[in-house]
Amino acid sequence: MWLPTSVYEWLPTSYVIIGVLFVVGALYIGFSAPFAPIYVGLGVSSILVGFLVQYKRYQFRKENRSGAQSTAKTSTTTTSA
């Protein structure tokens, strides 16, 4: 499935925002409401998924950036020799 870059980049942020809204909604209706624990669970899960996706993207980009730099260094040293 292909997503436009702008949508793809904003997904983790939107997960966190939706999660915060769920938690705030649970606080607003009160914890005595029948669905409040479900709202809190969905909110915390959404926040964690948003942070996890962002962290995995960061790791992947960091590895690719360092791998590309080391590959570029080795290719320039082999061609100049």
C-alpha atoms as a PDB file:
ATOM      1  CA  MET A   1       0.000   0.000   0.000  1.00  0.00           C
ATOM      2  CA  TRP A   2       1.427   3.352  -1.012  1.00  0.00           C
ATOM      3  CA  LEU A   3       0.788   6.545   0.930  1.00  0.00           C
ATOM      4  CA  PRO A   4       1.774  10.095   0.009  1.00  0.00           C
ATOM      5  CA  THR A   5       4.859  11.267   1.870  1.00  0.00           C
ATOM      6  CA  SER A   6       3.003  13.941   3.801  1.00  0.00           C
ATOM      7  CA  VAL A   7       0.478  11.403   5.122  1.00  0.00           C
ATOM      8  CA  TYR A   8       3.194   8.838   5.847  1.00  0.00           C
ATOM      9  CA  GLU A   9       5.281  11.299   7.852  1.00  0.00           C
ATOM     10  CA  TRP A  10       2.311  12.492   9.959  1.00  0.00           C
ATOM     11  CA  LEU A  11       0.981   9.043  10.905  1.00  0.00           C
ATOM     12  CA  PRO A  12       2.929   8.625  14.185  1.00  0.00           C
ATOM     13  CA  THR A  13       1.991  12.148  15.243  1.00  0.00           C
ATOM     14  CA  SER A  14      -1.661  11.507  14.476  1.00  0.00           C
ATOM     15  CA  TYR A  15      -1.538   8.261  16.511  1.00  0.00           C
ATOM     16  CA  VAL A  16      -0.245  10.192  19.514  1.00  0.00           C
ATOM     17  CA  ILE A  17      -2.806  12.980  19.083  1.00  0.00           C
ATOM     18  CA  ILE A  18      -5.669  10.478  18.804  1.00  0.00           C
ATOM     19  CA  GLY A  19      -4.359   8.671  21.884  1.00  0.00           C
ATOM     20  CA  VAL A  20      -4.229  11.865  23.899  1.00  0.00           C
ATOM     21  CA  LEU A  21      -7.770  12.699  22.804  1.00  0.00           C
ATOM     22  CA  PHE A  22      -8.974   9.279  23.978  1.00  0.00           C
ATOM     23  CA  VAL A  23      -7.339   9.721  27.388  1.00  0.00           C
ATOM     24  CA  VAL A  24      -8.665  13.273  27.751  1.00  0.00           C
ATOM     25  CA  GLY A  25     -12.109  12.050  26.700  1.00  0.00           C
ATOM     26  CA  ALA A  26     -11.993   9.391  29.408  1.00  0.00           C
ATOM     27  CA  LEU A  27     -11.050  12.032  31.956  1.00  0.00           C
ATOM     28  CA  TYR A  28     -13.847  14.270  30.749  1.00  0.00           C
ATOM     29  CA  ILE A  29     -16.599  11.646  31.017  1.00  0.00           C
ATOM     30  CA  GLY A  30     -15.189  10.311  34.272  1.00  0.00           C
ATOM     31  CA  PHE A  31     -13.812   6.928  35.149  1.00  0.00           C
ATOM     32  CA  SER A  32     -17.176   5.766  36.451  1.00  0.00           C
ATOM     33  CA  ALA A  33     -18.536   5.696  32.877  1.00  0.00           C
ATOM     34  CA  PRO A  34     -18.823   2.190  31.445  1.00  0.00           C
ATOM     35  CA  PHE A  35     -16.496   2.809  28.482  1.00  0.00           C
ATOM     36  CA  ALA A  36     -13.885   4.952  30.242  1.00  0.00           C
ATOM     37  CA  PRO A  37     -11.399   2.083  30.802  1.00  0.00           C
ATOM     38  CA  ILE A  38     -11.705   1.166  27.136  1.00  0.00           C
ATOM     39  CA  TYR A  39     -11.003   4.776  26.134  1.00  0.00           C
ATOM     40  CA  VAL A  40      -7.948   4.890  28.371  1.00  0.00           C
ATOM     41  CA  GLY A  41      -6.709   1.567  27.000  1.00  0.00           C
ATOM     42  CA  LEU A  42      -7.170   2.687  23.414  1.00  0.00           C
ATOM     43  CA  GLY A  43      -5.528   6.013  24.169  1.00  0.00           C
ATOM     44  CA  VAL A  44      -2.460   4.555  25.845  1.00  0.00           C
ATOM     45  CA  SER A  45      -2.134   1.911  23.125  1.00  0.00           C
ATOM     46  CA  SER A  46      -2.366   4.531  20.403  1.00  0.00           C
ATOM     47  CA  ILE A  47       0.248   6.721  22.091  1.00  0.00           C
ATOM     48  CA  LEU A  48       2.628   3.774  22.477  1.00  0.00           C
ATOM     49  CA  VAL A  49       2.173   2.721  18.858  1.00  0.00           C
ATOM     50  CA  GLY A  50       2.851   6.274  17.689  1.00  0.00           C
ATOM     51  CA  PHE A  51       6.096   6.443  19.655  1.00  0.00           C
ATOM     52  CA  LEU A  52       7.096   2.936  18.538  1.00  0.00           C
ATOM     53  CA  VAL A  53       6.569   3.740  14.859  1.00  0.00           C
ATOM     54  CA  GLN A  54       8.538   6.959  15.183  1.00  0.00           C
ATOM     55  CA  TYR A  55      11.379   5.178  17.004  1.00  0.00           C
ATOM     56  CA  LYS A  56      11.532   2.393  14.406  1.00  0.00           C
ATOM     57  CA  ARG A  57      11.656   4.944  11.605  1.00  0.00           C
ATOM     58  CA  TYR A  58      14.445   6.788  13.375  1.00  0.00           C
ATOM     59  CA  GLN A  59      16.429   3.560  13.825  1.00  0.00           C
ATOM     60  CA  PHE A  60      15.938   2.530  10.204  1.00  0.00           C
ATOM     61  CA  ARG A  61      16.972   5.927   8.857  1.00  0.00           C
ATOM     62  CA  LYS A  62      19.975   6.085  11.170  1.00  0.00           C
ATOM     63  CA  GLU A  63      21.191   2.649  10.029  1.00  0.00           C
ATOM     64  CA  ASN A  64      20.693   3.499   6.367  1.00  0.00           C
ATOM     65  CA  ARG A  65      22.433   6.833   6.747  1.00  0.00           C
ATOM     66  CA  SER A  66      25.480   5.319   8.464  1.00  0.00           C
ATOM     67  CA  GLY A  67      25.499   2.378   6.041  1.00  0.00           C
ATOM     68  CA  ALA A  68      25.400   4.698   3.042  1.00  0.00           C
ATOM     69  CA  GLN A  69      28.251   6.796   4.445  1.00  0.00           C
ATOM     70  CA  SER A  70      30.455   3.772   5.123  1.00  0.00           C
ATOM     71  CA  THR A  71      29.687   2.373   1.666  1.00  0.00           C
ATOM     72  CA  ALA A  72      30.541   5.719   0.084  1.00  0.00           C
ATOM     73  CA  LYS A  73      33.842   5.861   2.000  1.00  0.00           C
ATOM     74  CA  THR A  74      34.865   2.350   0.969  1.00  0.00           C
ATOM     75  CA  SER A  75      33.903   2.919  -2.678  1.00  0.00           C
ATOM     76  CA  THR A  76      35.918   6.157  -2.839  1.00  0.00           C
ATOM     77  CA  THR A  77      38.945   4.535  -1.253  1.00  0.00           C
ATOM     78  CA  THR A  78      38.839   1.574  -3.634  1.00  0.00           C
ATOM     79  CA  THR A  79      38.450   3.758  -6.727  1.00  0.00           C
ATOM     80  CA  SER A  80      41.238   6.129  -5.729  1.00  0.00           C
ATOM     81  CA  ALA A  81      43.727   3.312  -5.109  1.00  0.00           C
END
